[in-house]
PDB file of N, CA and C in Angstrom:
ATOM      1  N   MET A   1      24.491 -48.652 -81.942  1.00  0.00           N
ATOM      2  CA  MET A   1      24.068 -50.030 -81.886  1.00  0.00           C
ATOM      3  C   MET A   1      22.895 -50.207 -80.923  1.00  0.00           C
ATOM      4  N   GLN A   2      22.981 -49.584 -79.756  1.00  0.00           N
ATOM      5  CA  GLN A   2      21.910 -49.677 -78.767  1.00  0.00           C
ATOM      6  C   GLN A   2      20.620 -49.065 -79.304  1.00  0.00           C
ATOM      7  N   ARG A   3      20.718 -47.945 -80.006  1.00  0.00           N
ATOM      8  CA  ARG A   3      19.531 -47.297 -80.582  1.00  0.00           C
ATOM      9  C   ARG A   3      18.851 -48.211 -81.588  1.00  0.00           C
ATOM     10  N   THR A   4      19.641 -48.904 -82.369  1.00  0.00           N
ATOM     11  CA  THR A   4      19.099 -49.814 -83.375  1.00  0.00           C
ATOM     12  C   THR A   4      18.316 -50.935 -82.710  1.00  0.00           C
ATOM     13  N   ARG A   5      18.842 -51.468 -81.627  1.00  0.00           N
ATOM     14  CA  ARG A   5      18.148 -52.532 -80.895  1.00  0.00           C
ATOM     15  C   ARG A   5      16.852 -52.015 -80.282  1.00  0.00           C
ATOM     16  N   ILE A   6      16.908 -50.853 -79.701  1.00  0.00           N
ATOM     17  CA  ILE A   6      15.708 -50.268 -79.096  1.00  0.00           C
ATOM     18  C   ILE A   6      14.645 -50.024 -80.166  1.00  0.00           C
ATOM     19  N   LEU A   7      15.052 -49.487 -81.294  1.00  0.00           N
ATOM     20  CA  LEU A   7      14.123 -49.241 -82.386  1.00  0.00           C
ATOM     21  C   LEU A   7      13.530 -50.545 -82.905  1.00  0.00           C
ATOM     22  N   ALA A   8      14.348 -51.572 -83.032  1.00  0.00           N
ATOM     23  CA  ALA A   8      13.872 -52.874 -83.501  1.00  0.00           C
ATOM     24  C   ALA A   8      12.834 -53.451 -82.543  1.00  0.00           C
ATOM     25  N   VAL A   9      13.105 -53.392 -81.252  1.00  0.00           N
ATOM     26  CA  VAL A   9      12.165 -53.897 -80.253  1.00  0.00           C
ATOM     27  C   VAL A   9      10.866 -53.092 -80.298  1.00  0.00           C
ATOM     28  N   PHE A  10      10.988 -51.786 -80.406  1.00  0.00           N
ATOM     29  CA  PHE A  10       9.813 -50.915 -80.481  1.00  0.00           C
ATOM     30  C   PHE A  10       8.943 -51.280 -81.675  1.00  0.00           C
ATOM     31  N   LEU A  11       9.562 -51.465 -82.828  1.00  0.00           N
ATOM     32  CA  LEU A  11       8.809 -51.805 -84.041  1.00  0.00           C
ATOM     33  C   LEU A  11       8.139 -53.164 -83.938  1.00  0.00           C
ATOM     34  N   VAL A  12       8.817 -54.114 -83.331  1.00  0.00           N
ATOM     35  CA  VAL A  12       8.232 -55.446 -83.147  1.00  0.00           C
ATOM     36  C   VAL A  12       7.015 -55.356 -82.228  1.00  0.00           C
ATOM     37  N   LEU A  13       7.127 -54.586 -81.168  1.00  0.00           N
ATOM     38  CA  LEU A  13       6.012 -54.441 -80.234  1.00  0.00           C
ATOM     39  C   LEU A  13       4.862 -53.632 -80.826  1.00  0.00           C
ATOM     40  N   LEU A  14       5.168 -52.701 -81.692  1.00  0.00           N
ATOM     41  CA  LEU A  14       4.158 -51.834 -82.286  1.00  0.00           C
ATOM     42  C   LEU A  14       3.415 -52.484 -83.451  1.00  0.00           C
ATOM     43  N   SER A  15       4.030 -53.430 -84.118  1.00  0.00           N
ATOM     44  CA  SER A  15       3.441 -54.006 -85.330  1.00  0.00           C
ATOM     45  C   SER A  15       2.058 -54.624 -85.130  1.00  0.00           C
ATOM     46  N   PRO A  16       1.762 -55.318 -84.035  1.00  0.00           N
ATOM     47  CA  PRO A  16       0.396 -55.837 -83.873  1.00  0.00           C
ATOM     48  C   PRO A  16      -0.641 -54.718 -83.771  1.00  0.00           C
ATOM     49  N   LEU A  17      -0.267 -53.615 -83.161  1.00  0.00           N
ATOM     50  CA  LEU A  17      -1.208 -52.490 -83.061  1.00  0.00           C
ATOM     51  C   LEU A  17      -1.483 -51.882 -84.422  1.00  0.00           C
ATOM     52  N   ILE A  18      -0.473 -51.760 -85.227  1.00  0.00           N
ATOM     53  CA  ILE A  18      -0.646 -51.213 -86.569  1.00  0.00           C
ATOM     54  C   ILE A  18      -1.511 -52.155 -87.400  1.00  0.00           C
ATOM     55  N   THR A  19      -1.236 -53.441 -87.301  1.00  0.00           N
ATOM     56  CA  THR A  19      -2.020 -54.433 -88.039  1.00  0.00           C
ATOM     57  C   THR A  19      -3.464 -54.390 -87.599  1.00  0.00           C
ATOM     58  N   TYR A  20      -3.722 -54.293 -86.285  1.00  0.00           N
ATOM     59  CA  TYR A  20      -5.102 -54.220 -85.799  1.00  0.00           C
ATOM     60  C   TYR A  20      -5.793 -52.982 -86.338  1.00  0.00           C
ATOM     61  N   ALA A  21      -5.106 -51.861 -86.325  1.00  0.00           N
ATOM     62  CA  ALA A  21      -5.713 -50.622 -86.805  1.00  0.00           C
ATOM     63  C   ALA A  21      -6.089 -50.740 -88.276  1.00  0.00           C
ATOM     64  N   LEU A  22      -5.226 -51.324 -89.072  1.00  0.00           N
ATOM     65  CA  LEU A  22      -5.533 -51.494 -90.493  1.00  0.00           C
ATOM     66  C   LEU A  22      -6.715 -52.423 -90.681  1.00  0.00           C
ATOM     67  N   ASP A  23      -6.750 -53.525 -89.909  1.00  0.00           N
ATOM     68  CA  ASP A  23      -7.869 -54.457 -89.996  1.00  0.00           C
ATOM     69  C   ASP A  23      -9.162 -53.807 -89.530  1.00  0.00           C
ATOM     70  N   ALA A  24      -9.099 -53.050 -88.448  1.00  0.00           N
ATOM     71  CA  ALA A  24     -10.294 -52.381 -87.923  1.00  0.00           C
ATOM     72  C   ALA A  24     -10.833 -51.387 -88.937  1.00  0.00           C
ATOM     73  N   ASN A  25      -9.954 -50.673 -89.611  1.00  0.00           N
ATOM     74  CA  ASN A  25     -10.412 -49.703 -90.606  1.00  0.00           C
ATOM     75  C   ASN A  25     -11.033 -50.404 -91.805  1.00  0.00           C
ATOM     76  N   SER A  26     -10.459 -51.518 -92.236  1.00  0.00           N
ATOM     77  CA  SER A  26     -11.038 -52.293 -93.340  1.00  0.00           C
ATOM     78  C   SER A  26     -12.394 -52.856 -92.927  1.00  0.00           C
ATOM     79  N   ASP A  27     -12.462 -53.360 -91.704  1.00  0.00           N
ATOM     80  CA  ASP A  27     -13.733 -53.891 -91.202  1.00  0.00           C
ATOM     81  C   ASP A  27     -14.784 -52.790 -91.107  1.00  0.00           C
ATOM     82  N   LEU A  28     -14.361 -51.596 -90.730  1.00  0.00           N
ATOM     83  CA  LEU A  28     -15.279 -50.462 -90.645  1.00  0.00           C
ATOM     84  C   LEU A  28     -15.871 -50.148 -92.014  1.00  0.00           C
ATOM     85  N   ILE A  29     -15.023 -50.120 -93.015  1.00  0.00           N
ATOM     86  CA  ILE A  29     -15.503 -49.826 -94.369  1.00  0.00           C
ATOM     87  C   ILE A  29     -16.473 -50.910 -94.831  1.00  0.00           C
ATOM     88  N   LYS A  30     -16.156 -52.171 -94.574  1.00  0.00           N
ATOM     89  CA  LYS A  30     -17.044 -53.273 -94.963  1.00  0.00           C
ATOM     90  C   LYS A  30     -18.378 -53.194 -94.235  1.00  0.00           C
ATOM     91  N   ALA A  31     -18.344 -52.903 -92.941  1.00  0.00           N
ATOM     92  CA  ALA A  31     -19.580 -52.812 -92.162  1.00  0.00           C
ATOM     93  C   ALA A  31     -20.440 -51.648 -92.635  1.00  0.00           C
ATOM     94  N   ALA A  32     -19.814 -50.521 -92.942  1.00  0.00           N
ATOM     95  CA  ALA A  32     -20.562 -49.366 -93.436  1.00  0.00           C
ATOM     96  C   ALA A  32     -21.192 -49.670 -94.784  1.00  0.00           C
ATOM     97  N   GLU A  33     -20.446 -50.349 -95.635  1.00  0.00           N
ATOM     98  CA  GLU A  33     -20.952 -50.700 -96.964  1.00  0.00           C
ATOM     99  C   GLU A  33     -22.132 -51.660 -96.863  1.00  0.00           C
ATOM    100  N   LYS A  34     -22.103 -52.540 -95.848  1.00  0.00           N
ATOM    101  CA  LYS A  34     -23.194 -53.497 -95.643  1.00  0.00           C
ATOM    102  C   LYS A  34     -24.375 -52.872 -94.898  1.00  0.00           C
ATOM    103  N   GLY A  35     -24.157 -51.717 -94.293  1.00  0.00           N
ATOM    104  CA  GLY A  35     -25.222 -51.061 -93.537  1.00  0.00           C
ATOM    105  C   GLY A  35     -25.368 -51.556 -92.117  1.00  0.00           C
ATOM    106  N   ASP A  36     -24.338 -52.144 -91.565  1.00  0.00           N
ATOM    107  CA  ASP A  36     -24.370 -52.702 -90.209  1.00  0.00           C
ATOM    108  C   ASP A  36     -24.016 -51.621 -89.183  1.00  0.00           C
ATOM    109  N   VAL A  37     -25.034 -50.882 -88.752  1.00  0.00           N
ATOM    110  CA  VAL A  37     -24.838 -49.745 -87.845  1.00  0.00           C
ATOM    111  C   VAL A  37     -24.205 -50.186 -86.527  1.00  0.00           C
ATOM    112  N   ALA A  38     -24.667 -51.289 -85.970  1.00  0.00           N
ATOM    113  CA  ALA A  38     -24.139 -51.751 -84.679  1.00  0.00           C
ATOM    114  C   ALA A  38     -22.649 -52.077 -84.779  1.00  0.00           C
ATOM    115  N   LYS A  39     -22.249 -52.744 -85.858  1.00  0.00           N
ATOM    116  CA  LYS A  39     -20.836 -53.087 -86.018  1.00  0.00           C
ATOM    117  C   LYS A  39     -19.997 -51.836 -86.262  1.00  0.00           C
ATOM    118  N   VAL A  40     -20.539 -50.895 -87.029  1.00  0.00           N
ATOM    119  CA  VAL A  40     -19.823 -49.633 -87.269  1.00  0.00           C
ATOM    120  C   VAL A  40     -19.560 -48.930 -85.946  1.00  0.00           C
ATOM    121  N   LYS A  41     -20.592 -48.837 -85.118  1.00  0.00           N
ATOM    122  CA  LYS A  41     -20.439 -48.169 -83.824  1.00  0.00           C
ATOM    123  C   LYS A  41     -19.443 -48.901 -82.937  1.00  0.00           C
ATOM    124  N   ALA A  42     -19.488 -50.235 -82.948  1.00  0.00           N
ATOM    125  CA  ALA A  42     -18.570 -51.026 -82.126  1.00  0.00           C
ATOM    126  C   ALA A  42     -17.118 -50.833 -82.586  1.00  0.00           C
ATOM    127  N   LEU A  43     -16.900 -50.834 -83.896  1.00  0.00           N
ATOM    128  CA  LEU A  43     -15.547 -50.646 -84.418  1.00  0.00           C
ATOM    129  C   LEU A  43     -15.023 -49.247 -84.107  1.00  0.00           C
ATOM    130  N   LEU A  44     -15.885 -48.251 -84.203  1.00  0.00           N
ATOM    131  CA  LEU A  44     -15.465 -46.892 -83.867  1.00  0.00           C
ATOM    132  C   LEU A  44     -15.111 -46.786 -82.392  1.00  0.00           C
ATOM    133  N   ALA A  45     -15.895 -47.462 -81.544  1.00  0.00           N
ATOM    134  CA  ALA A  45     -15.614 -47.447 -80.106  1.00  0.00           C
ATOM    135  C   ALA A  45     -14.273 -48.110 -79.790  1.00  0.00           C
ATOM    136  N   LYS A  46     -13.871 -49.059 -80.632  1.00  0.00           N
ATOM    137  CA  LYS A  46     -12.590 -49.756 -80.431  1.00  0.00           C
ATOM    138  C   LYS A  46     -11.419 -49.024 -81.078  1.00  0.00           C
ATOM    139  N   GLY A  47     -11.705 -47.889 -81.727  1.00  0.00           N
ATOM    140  CA  GLY A  47     -10.609 -47.088 -82.256  1.00  0.00           C
ATOM    141  C   GLY A  47     -10.448 -47.046 -83.757  1.00  0.00           C
ATOM    142  N   ALA A  48     -11.380 -47.630 -84.502  1.00  0.00           N
ATOM    143  CA  ALA A  48     -11.286 -47.539 -85.961  1.00  0.00           C
ATOM    144  C   ALA A  48     -11.379 -46.069 -86.366  1.00  0.00           C
ATOM    145  N   ASP A  49     -10.685 -45.709 -87.410  1.00  0.00           N
ATOM    146  CA  ASP A  49     -10.621 -44.318 -87.872  1.00  0.00           C
ATOM    147  C   ASP A  49     -11.716 -44.043 -88.896  1.00  0.00           C
ATOM    148  N   PRO A  50     -12.698 -43.178 -88.575  1.00  0.00           N
ATOM    149  CA  PRO A  50     -13.782 -42.890 -89.523  1.00  0.00           C
ATOM    150  C   PRO A  50     -13.290 -42.179 -90.780  1.00  0.00           C
ATOM    151  N   ASN A  51     -12.105 -41.621 -90.731  1.00  0.00           N
ATOM    152  CA  ASN A  51     -11.559 -40.921 -91.894  1.00  0.00           C
ATOM    153  C   ASN A  51     -10.578 -41.772 -92.692  1.00  0.00           C
ATOM    154  N   ALA A  52     -10.396 -43.029 -92.284  1.00  0.00           N
ATOM    155  CA  ALA A  52      -9.512 -43.934 -93.024  1.00  0.00           C
ATOM    156  C   ALA A  52     -10.105 -44.166 -94.407  1.00  0.00           C
ATOM    157  N   LYS A  53      -9.225 -44.300 -95.374  1.00  0.00           N
ATOM    158  CA  LYS A  53      -9.676 -44.463 -96.751  1.00  0.00           C
ATOM    159  C   LYS A  53      -9.348 -45.853 -97.271  1.00  0.00           C
ATOM    160  N   GLY A  54     -10.256 -46.369 -98.075  1.00  0.00           N
ATOM    161  CA  GLY A  54     -10.052 -47.659 -98.717  1.00  0.00           C
ATOM    162  C   GLY A  54      -9.125 -47.521 -99.910  1.00  0.00           C
ATOM    163  N   LYS A  55      -9.014 -48.586-100.665  1.00  0.00           N
ATOM    164  CA  LYS A  55      -8.094 -48.624-101.799  1.00  0.00           C
ATOM    165  C   LYS A  55      -8.372 -47.542-102.835  1.00  0.00           C
ATOM    166  N   ASN A  56      -9.626 -47.177-102.987  1.00  0.00           N
ATOM    167  CA  ASN A  56      -9.954 -46.169-103.999  1.00  0.00           C
ATOM    168  C   ASN A  56     -10.013 -44.751-103.433  1.00  0.00           C
ATOM    169  N   GLY A  57      -9.648 -44.596-102.166  1.00  0.00           N
ATOM    170  CA  GLY A  57      -9.619 -43.269-101.558  1.00  0.00           C
ATOM    171  C   GLY A  57     -10.917 -42.844-100.886  1.00  0.00           C
ATOM    172  N   TRP A  58     -11.870 -43.757-100.792  1.00  0.00           N
ATOM    173  CA  TRP A  58     -13.144 -43.431-100.151  1.00  0.00           C
ATOM    174  C   TRP A  58     -13.118 -43.781 -98.668  1.00  0.00           C
ATOM    175  N   THR A  59     -13.858 -42.991 -97.887  1.00  0.00           N
ATOM    176  CA  THR A  59     -14.039 -43.290 -96.463  1.00  0.00           C
ATOM    177  C   THR A  59     -15.219 -44.248 -96.302  1.00  0.00           C
ATOM    178  N   ALA A  60     -15.409 -44.737 -95.082  1.00  0.00           N
ATOM    179  CA  ALA A  60     -16.532 -45.646 -94.799  1.00  0.00           C
ATOM    180  C   ALA A  60     -17.863 -44.975 -95.129  1.00  0.00           C
ATOM    181  N   LEU A  61     -17.990 -43.701 -94.818  1.00  0.00           N
ATOM    182  CA  LEU A  61     -19.235 -42.990 -95.109  1.00  0.00           C
ATOM    183  C   LEU A  61     -19.491 -42.934 -96.614  1.00  0.00           C
ATOM    184  N   MET A  62     -18.464 -42.702 -97.392  1.00  0.00           N
ATOM    185  CA  MET A  62     -18.617 -42.664 -98.850  1.00  0.00           C
ATOM    186  C   MET A  62     -19.083 -44.020 -99.380  1.00  0.00           C
ATOM    187  N   PHE A  63     -18.472 -45.101 -98.865  1.00  0.00           N
ATOM    188  CA  PHE A  63     -18.889 -46.435 -99.280  1.00  0.00           C
ATOM    189  C   PHE A  63     -20.355 -46.674 -98.923  1.00  0.00           C
ATOM    190  N   ALA A  64     -20.759 -46.263 -97.725  1.00  0.00           N
ATOM    191  CA  ALA A  64     -22.139 -46.469 -97.290  1.00  0.00           C
ATOM    192  C   ALA A  64     -23.123 -45.717 -98.188  1.00  0.00           C
ATOM    193  N   VAL A  65     -22.804 -44.497 -98.515  1.00  0.00           N
ATOM    194  CA  VAL A  65     -23.705 -43.688 -99.348  1.00  0.00           C
ATOM    195  C   VAL A  65     -23.841 -44.309-100.740  1.00  0.00           C
ATOM    196  N   VAL A  66     -22.734 -44.669-101.353  1.00  0.00           N
ATOM    197  CA  VAL A  66     -22.767 -45.254-102.695  1.00  0.00           C
ATOM    198  C   VAL A  66     -23.512 -46.591-102.687  1.00  0.00           C
ATOM    199  N   ALA A  67     -23.392 -47.343-101.594  1.00  0.00           N
ATOM    200  CA  ALA A  67     -24.072 -48.635-101.490  1.00  0.00           C
ATOM    201  C   ALA A  67     -25.544 -48.480-101.108  1.00  0.00           C
ATOM    202  N   GLY A  68     -25.996 -47.243-100.919  1.00  0.00           N
ATOM    203  CA  GLY A  68     -27.393 -47.010-100.569  1.00  0.00           C
ATOM    204  C   GLY A  68     -27.724 -47.340 -99.134  1.00  0.00           C
ATOM    205  N   ARG A  69     -26.759 -47.274 -98.275  1.00  0.00           N
ATOM    206  CA  ARG A  69     -26.966 -47.585 -96.843  1.00  0.00           C
ATOM    207  C   ARG A  69     -27.244 -46.304 -96.070  1.00  0.00           C
ATOM    208  N   ALA A  70     -28.435 -45.788 -96.253  1.00  0.00           N
ATOM    209  CA  ALA A  70     -28.811 -44.520 -95.632  1.00  0.00           C
ATOM    210  C   ALA A  70     -28.751 -44.598 -94.102  1.00  0.00           C
ATOM    211  N   ALA A  71     -29.010 -45.763 -93.547  1.00  0.00           N
ATOM    212  CA  ALA A  71     -29.010 -45.888 -92.086  1.00  0.00           C
ATOM    213  C   ALA A  71     -27.664 -45.515 -91.496  1.00  0.00           C
ATOM    214  N   ILE A  72     -26.579 -45.832 -92.196  1.00  0.00           N
ATOM    215  CA  ILE A  72     -25.245 -45.477 -91.707  1.00  0.00           C
ATOM    216  C   ILE A  72     -25.085 -43.952 -91.699  1.00  0.00           C
ATOM    217  N   ALA A  73     -25.458 -43.329 -92.806  1.00  0.00           N
ATOM    218  CA  ALA A  73     -25.319 -41.883 -92.898  1.00  0.00           C
ATOM    219  C   ALA A  73     -26.237 -41.181 -91.904  1.00  0.00           C
ATOM    220  N   GLN A  74     -27.465 -41.653 -91.787  1.00  0.00           N
ATOM    221  CA  GLN A  74     -28.440 -41.021 -90.897  1.00  0.00           C
ATOM    222  C   GLN A  74     -28.114 -41.216 -89.426  1.00  0.00           C
ATOM    223  N   SER A  75     -27.426 -42.322 -89.105  1.00  0.00           N
ATOM    224  CA  SER A  75     -27.103 -42.583 -87.709  1.00  0.00           C
ATOM    225  C   SER A  75     -26.038 -41.645 -87.179  1.00  0.00           C
ATOM    226  N   GLY A  76     -25.269 -41.068 -88.089  1.00  0.00           N
ATOM    227  CA  GLY A  76     -24.179 -40.212 -87.654  1.00  0.00           C
ATOM    228  C   GLY A  76     -23.009 -40.983 -87.081  1.00  0.00           C
ATOM    229  N   ALA A  77     -23.067 -42.315 -87.197  1.00  0.00           N
ATOM    230  CA  ALA A  77     -22.009 -43.151 -86.638  1.00  0.00           C
ATOM    231  C   ALA A  77     -20.666 -42.882 -87.308  1.00  0.00           C
ATOM    232  N   VAL A  78     -20.716 -42.695 -88.598  1.00  0.00           N
ATOM    233  CA  VAL A  78     -19.470 -42.436 -89.346  1.00  0.00           C
ATOM    234  C   VAL A  78     -19.577 -41.037 -89.905  1.00  0.00           C
ATOM    235  N   SER A  79     -18.787 -40.144 -89.353  1.00  0.00           N
ATOM    236  CA  SER A  79     -18.813 -38.776 -89.851  1.00  0.00           C
ATOM    237  C   SER A  79     -17.419 -38.184 -89.768  1.00  0.00           C
ATOM    238  N   LYS A  80     -17.209 -37.139 -90.489  1.00  0.00           N
ATOM    239  CA  LYS A  80     -15.910 -36.465 -90.445  1.00  0.00           C
ATOM    240  C   LYS A  80     -15.699 -35.882 -89.065  1.00  0.00           C
ATOM    241  N   SER A  81     -14.502 -36.062 -88.524  1.00  0.00           N
ATOM    242  CA  SER A  81     -14.210 -35.456 -87.227  1.00  0.00           C
ATOM    243  C   SER A  81     -13.218 -34.357 -87.386  1.00  0.00           C
TER     244      SER A  81
END
């Protein structure tokens, strides 16, 4: 019973961090697709995952390349780690 309570509290406390990470990764993909180098760098500095994949399985770098956003690829801001 005590373990269940501890786990429940842990999950409640952890959920905002998980939600932020998912939002940051989505924002990273959107910024890369738009070619916003400054926002990409800022999101990466805040912990966004450059290897996170969108709904179709593409990373932010893949979205940037397909969208013709060479500045993102050339900046090296989003790269495989």
